[in-house]
Amino acid sequence: MNINSFKLAAAGVLAFTAFTGLLAPATASAALVTGNATISIDNAAFSTATGGWTVDNFFDASFNTTAITGSLAGGSSSTTNMLFPVNTNAATVSYPGNRTLQATTMDSGNTAAGQIGLSGALTMTGALGDLFPYDFKLAKFGGVWNLVTFDTSFQNTTFLQLANAVESVDGSGQLSLSGDLIFGGGMSPTTASSIFGLTWSSFLGVQIANQNLVVGHLSLTPAAVPVPAAAWMFGSGLLGLLGVSRGKSKAAA
């Protein structure tokens, strides 16, 4: 390789290193929570905890504006890996049929405040007939993650809580969260405020012995951060420059 080609290649390597550094995550910064929550319910454990209740149908984000009833068609009977996308609206939106799209206001850098709105709805059957947990959000109360439902009559009610929760923030400032789902007990500083003084655990009569029984799992993963097209064009050009340098060095050899 002649000296000029060597200098060009070395400069290209340094520039490419700087370019890849631009693509790598920077120091974690504040950002609203994004991504998708995946929820799985173990109906055998769920039934044991609640004295016979089971989750029968899951209705995805396409049903966000639909009134959920026991006769509603189109849901999925699978309770494994149900996808609840994180809502992107900054204020709660109300729809006819007692439905709302809960806002996402939580900053990944401060999970003690705000909430994470989730799209999706469930139907349950048991001794009392049909029940419909929907318009979910994730929020912390007393340091404990709660999966909370909302409707215009009962408003905020803790549905399940996260046990063994693990949370982290990546280099792009995005939150990841996972944990086991349990019912927990009645109203306490670690549950959502309720106008009727209820949690789903107390409403369904979950016995103390079953309050910590794991009935499912939740995992929240952040949305991918796209790389700007201009950055990829710069990288491609840089690689092309290195190729030209290599060709010249072969010709000079």
Protein backbone atom coordinates (compact mmCIF):
# COMPACT_ATOMS: atom_id res chain seq x y z
CA MET A 1 0.00 0.00 0.00
CA ASN A 2 1.40 3.42 -0.86
CA ILE A 3 1.56 6.10 1.80
CA ASN A 4 -1.35 8.18 0.41
CA SER A 5 -3.67 5.19 0.28
CA PHE A 6 -2.67 4.25 3.79
CA LYS A 7 -3.47 7.73 5.08
CA LEU A 8 -6.84 7.70 3.29
CA ALA A 9 -7.74 4.29 4.69
CA ALA A 10 -6.67 5.30 8.19
CA ALA A 11 -8.76 8.46 7.98
CA GLY A 12 -11.70 6.41 6.77
CA VAL A 13 -11.39 4.00 9.68
CA LEU A 14 -11.33 6.87 12.15
CA ALA A 15 -14.36 8.49 10.51
CA PHE A 16 -16.25 5.20 10.43
CA THR A 17 -15.48 4.67 14.11
CA ALA A 18 -16.92 8.10 14.84
CA PHE A 19 -19.96 7.28 12.70
CA THR A 20 -20.67 4.03 14.52
CA GLY A 21 -20.29 5.95 17.76
CA LEU A 22 -23.12 8.17 16.58
CA LEU A 23 -25.28 5.08 16.06
CA ALA A 24 -24.50 3.66 19.48
CA PRO A 25 -26.81 4.67 22.33
CA ALA A 26 -25.73 7.79 24.15
CA THR A 27 -26.00 8.37 27.86
CA ALA A 28 -29.52 7.63 29.04
CA SER A 29 -31.79 10.65 28.71
CA ALA A 30 -35.35 11.44 29.75
CA ALA A 31 -38.10 10.19 27.44
CA LEU A 32 -41.77 9.26 27.64
CA VAL A 33 -42.29 5.51 27.85
CA THR A 34 -42.92 3.81 24.49
CA GLY A 35 -43.20 0.28 23.16
CA ASN A 36 -45.40 -2.72 23.87
CA ALA A 37 -46.50 -4.65 26.92
CA THR A 38 -46.95 -8.39 26.55
CA ILE A 39 -49.19 -10.08 29.11
CA SER A 40 -49.74 -13.81 29.68
CA ILE A 41 -52.37 -15.16 32.07
CA ASP A 42 -52.18 -18.63 33.58
CA ASN A 43 -55.89 -19.42 33.79
CA ALA A 44 -55.40 -22.41 36.08
CA ALA A 45 -53.66 -20.22 38.67
CA PHE A 46 -56.07 -17.35 37.98
CA SER A 47 -59.04 -19.63 38.70
CA THR A 48 -57.44 -20.96 41.88
CA ALA A 49 -56.77 -17.43 43.16
CA THR A 50 -60.27 -16.15 42.41
CA GLY A 51 -62.41 -19.17 43.21
CA GLY A 52 -63.30 -20.00 39.63
CA TRP A 53 -62.90 -16.86 37.52
CA THR A 54 -61.08 -17.19 34.18
CA VAL A 55 -59.97 -14.80 31.46
CA ASP A 56 -61.84 -15.90 28.33
CA ASN A 57 -61.14 -13.37 25.59
CA PHE A 58 -58.59 -10.73 24.66
CA PHE A 59 -59.51 -7.76 22.49
CA ASP A 60 -56.57 -5.94 20.91
CA ALA A 61 -56.03 -2.26 20.13
CA SER A 62 -58.44 -2.36 17.18
CA PHE A 63 -61.25 -2.54 19.78
CA ASN A 64 -60.16 0.58 21.68
CA THR A 65 -63.35 2.47 20.81
CA THR A 66 -65.71 -0.51 21.13
CA ALA A 67 -67.97 -1.21 24.10
CA ILE A 68 -66.81 -4.53 25.58
CA THR A 69 -69.62 -7.00 26.31
CA GLY A 70 -69.89 -10.73 26.89
CA SER A 71 -71.38 -11.20 23.41
CA LEU A 72 -68.76 -9.17 21.55
CA ALA A 73 -67.22 -11.17 18.70
CA GLY A 74 -63.74 -10.90 17.23
CA GLY A 75 -61.50 -11.39 20.22
CA SER A 76 -58.89 -14.07 20.83
CA SER A 77 -59.35 -16.90 23.30
CA SER A 78 -55.59 -17.20 23.77
CA THR A 79 -54.31 -15.61 26.98
CA THR A 80 -50.64 -16.13 26.11
CA ASN A 81 -48.48 -13.21 24.91
CA MET A 82 -51.38 -10.80 24.58
CA LEU A 83 -50.09 -7.57 23.02
CA PHE A 84 -50.98 -4.31 24.78
CA PRO A 85 -49.29 -1.42 22.90
CA VAL A 86 -48.24 1.62 24.92
CA ASN A 87 -50.58 4.51 24.12
CA THR A 88 -48.99 7.61 22.60
CA ASN A 89 -51.69 10.12 23.59
CA ALA A 90 -50.59 12.60 26.27
CA ALA A 91 -54.14 13.13 27.57
CA THR A 92 -56.85 10.55 28.24
CA VAL A 93 -59.40 10.32 25.41
CA SER A 94 -63.02 9.27 26.09
CA TYR A 95 -65.23 7.28 23.71
CA PRO A 96 -68.88 6.19 23.77
CA GLY A 97 -69.60 2.88 25.47
CA ASN A 98 -67.71 3.64 28.67
CA ARG A 99 -64.31 3.38 26.96
CA THR A 100 -61.25 5.57 27.39
CA LEU A 101 -57.77 5.57 25.92
CA GLN A 102 -55.54 6.09 28.92
CA ALA A 103 -52.76 8.64 28.52
CA THR A 104 -49.04 7.92 28.76
CA THR A 105 -47.42 10.56 30.95
CA MET A 106 -44.57 8.64 32.60
CA ASP A 107 -41.00 9.68 31.96
CA SER A 108 -38.62 6.73 31.80
CA GLY A 109 -36.26 8.61 34.09
CA ASN A 110 -38.85 8.91 36.86
CA THR A 111 -41.12 5.87 37.11
CA ALA A 112 -42.42 7.01 40.50
CA ALA A 113 -44.67 9.54 38.74
CA GLY A 114 -47.16 9.42 35.90
CA GLN A 115 -48.69 6.44 34.14
CA ILE A 116 -48.28 4.21 31.08
CA GLY A 117 -51.50 3.86 29.10
CA LEU A 118 -52.06 0.47 27.43
CA SER A 119 -54.41 -0.54 24.63
CA GLY A 120 -56.41 -3.75 24.99
CA ALA A 121 -59.30 -5.33 26.88
CA LEU A 122 -60.25 -8.63 28.53
CA THR A 123 -63.44 -10.50 29.32
CA MET A 124 -63.81 -12.78 32.34
CA THR A 125 -66.45 -15.27 33.44
CA GLY A 126 -67.19 -16.62 36.88
CA ALA A 127 -69.81 -16.94 39.57
CA LEU A 128 -71.18 -13.43 38.99
CA GLY A 129 -71.41 -13.77 35.20
CA ASP A 130 -69.24 -11.60 32.95
CA LEU A 131 -66.72 -8.94 33.94
CA PHE A 132 -64.67 -6.72 31.65
CA PRO A 133 -61.23 -5.41 32.65
CA TYR A 134 -60.20 -2.78 30.09
CA ASP A 135 -58.50 0.56 29.48
CA PHE A 136 -55.40 -0.48 31.36
CA LYS A 137 -52.50 1.54 32.60
CA LEU A 138 -49.32 0.81 34.51
CA ALA A 139 -48.42 3.01 37.46
CA LYS A 140 -46.49 2.84 40.71
CA PHE A 141 -48.09 3.30 44.10
CA GLY A 142 -45.90 3.16 47.18
CA GLY A 143 -43.09 1.86 44.97
CA VAL A 144 -45.16 -1.09 43.67
CA TRP A 145 -46.14 -1.47 40.01
CA ASN A 146 -49.89 -1.85 39.49
CA LEU A 147 -51.84 -2.89 36.41
CA VAL A 148 -54.90 -0.67 36.75
CA THR A 149 -58.25 -0.71 34.94
CA PHE A 150 -60.49 2.28 34.34
CA ASP A 151 -64.15 2.75 33.58
CA THR A 152 -66.39 5.74 34.11
CA SER A 153 -68.32 4.06 36.94
CA PHE A 154 -65.56 2.49 39.04
CA GLN A 155 -62.75 4.69 37.67
CA ASN A 156 -59.24 3.54 38.69
CA THR A 157 -59.07 0.06 40.17
CA THR A 158 -55.96 -2.08 40.70
CA PHE A 159 -56.40 -5.27 38.68
CA LEU A 160 -53.06 -6.97 39.34
CA GLN A 161 -49.70 -6.05 40.81
CA LEU A 162 -46.16 -6.85 39.69
CA ALA A 163 -44.06 -9.04 41.94
CA ASN A 164 -40.33 -9.59 41.36
CA ALA A 165 -40.38 -6.53 39.10
CA VAL A 166 -37.23 -5.73 37.14
CA GLU A 167 -36.94 -2.35 35.43
CA SER A 168 -34.12 -0.71 33.52
CA VAL A 169 -33.52 2.24 31.20
CA ASP A 170 -31.43 1.72 28.07
CA GLY A 171 -28.92 4.08 26.49
CA SER A 172 -31.68 5.78 24.49
CA GLY A 173 -33.59 6.59 27.66
CA GLN A 174 -36.29 3.94 27.13
CA LEU A 175 -37.86 1.86 29.89
CA SER A 176 -37.92 -1.95 30.01
CA LEU A 177 -40.01 -3.67 32.66
CA SER A 178 -40.93 -7.23 33.57
CA GLY A 179 -42.53 -9.00 36.49
CA ASP A 180 -44.88 -11.70 37.73
CA LEU A 181 -48.56 -10.82 38.09
CA ILE A 182 -50.32 -11.34 41.42
CA PHE A 183 -53.64 -10.10 42.81
CA GLY A 184 -52.29 -8.71 46.05
CA GLY A 185 -54.76 -7.64 48.71
CA GLY A 186 -57.30 -4.88 49.24
CA MET A 187 -56.80 -1.12 49.33
CA SER A 188 -53.45 0.03 50.67
CA PRO A 189 -50.78 2.67 49.96
CA THR A 190 -49.46 0.31 47.25
CA THR A 191 -52.71 0.22 45.23
CA ALA A 192 -54.52 2.73 43.03
CA SER A 193 -56.94 5.10 44.72
CA SER A 194 -60.51 3.84 44.29
CA ILE A 195 -63.74 5.77 44.82
CA PHE A 196 -65.38 2.59 46.15
CA GLY A 197 -62.37 1.45 48.18
CA LEU A 198 -61.91 -1.66 46.04
CA THR A 199 -59.28 -3.59 44.20
CA TRP A 200 -60.13 -6.45 41.86
CA SER A 201 -58.65 -8.72 44.53
CA SER A 202 -61.12 -7.56 47.17
CA PHE A 203 -64.02 -7.44 44.71
CA LEU A 204 -63.42 -11.04 43.59
CA GLY A 205 -62.87 -12.20 47.16
CA VAL A 206 -59.30 -13.43 46.71
CA GLN A 207 -58.29 -15.19 49.92
CA ILE A 208 -55.18 -14.09 51.80
CA ALA A 209 -53.53 -17.45 51.05
CA ASN A 210 -53.86 -16.76 47.29
CA GLN A 211 -53.00 -13.06 47.15
CA ASN A 212 -49.36 -13.74 46.23
CA LEU A 213 -50.07 -16.63 43.86
CA VAL A 214 -48.49 -15.89 40.48
CA VAL A 215 -51.29 -15.78 37.89
CA GLY A 216 -49.33 -14.45 34.92
CA HIS A 217 -46.44 -12.41 33.63
CA LEU A 218 -45.96 -8.96 32.12
CA SER A 219 -43.10 -7.70 30.00
CA LEU A 220 -42.73 -4.16 28.64
CA THR A 221 -40.22 -3.59 25.85
CA PRO A 222 -39.39 -0.17 24.37
CA ALA A 223 -40.00 0.82 20.78
CA ALA A 224 -36.98 0.60 18.49
CA VAL A 225 -35.20 3.90 17.92
CA PRO A 226 -34.85 4.40 14.13
CA VAL A 227 -31.52 5.47 12.65
CA PRO A 228 -31.90 8.59 10.45
CA ALA A 229 -31.60 7.89 6.70
CA ALA A 230 -28.90 10.55 6.39
CA ALA A 231 -26.73 8.64 8.85
CA TRP A 232 -27.01 5.43 6.81
CA MET A 233 -26.15 7.34 3.61
CA PHE A 234 -23.09 8.77 5.34
CA GLY A 235 -22.05 5.32 6.47
CA SER A 236 -22.52 3.82 2.99
CA GLY A 237 -20.45 6.59 1.44
CA LEU A 238 -17.73 6.03 4.00
CA LEU A 239 -17.60 2.32 3.26
CA GLY A 240 -17.43 3.11 -0.44
CA LEU A 241 -14.50 5.43 0.20
CA LEU A 242 -12.69 2.63 2.02
CA GLY A 243 -13.35 0.35 -0.97
CA VAL A 244 -11.85 2.87 -3.37
CA SER A 245 -8.82 3.19 -1.14
CA ARG A 246 -8.36 -0.58 -1.11
CA GLY A 247 -8.64 -0.72 -4.91
CA LYS A 248 -6.01 1.95 -5.29
CA SER A 249 -3.65 0.16 -2.94
CA LYS A 250 -3.97 -3.06 -4.97
CA ALA A 251 -3.23 -1.17 -8.17
CA ALA A 252 -0.12 0.42 -6.63
CA ALA A 253 1.20 -2.91 -5.32
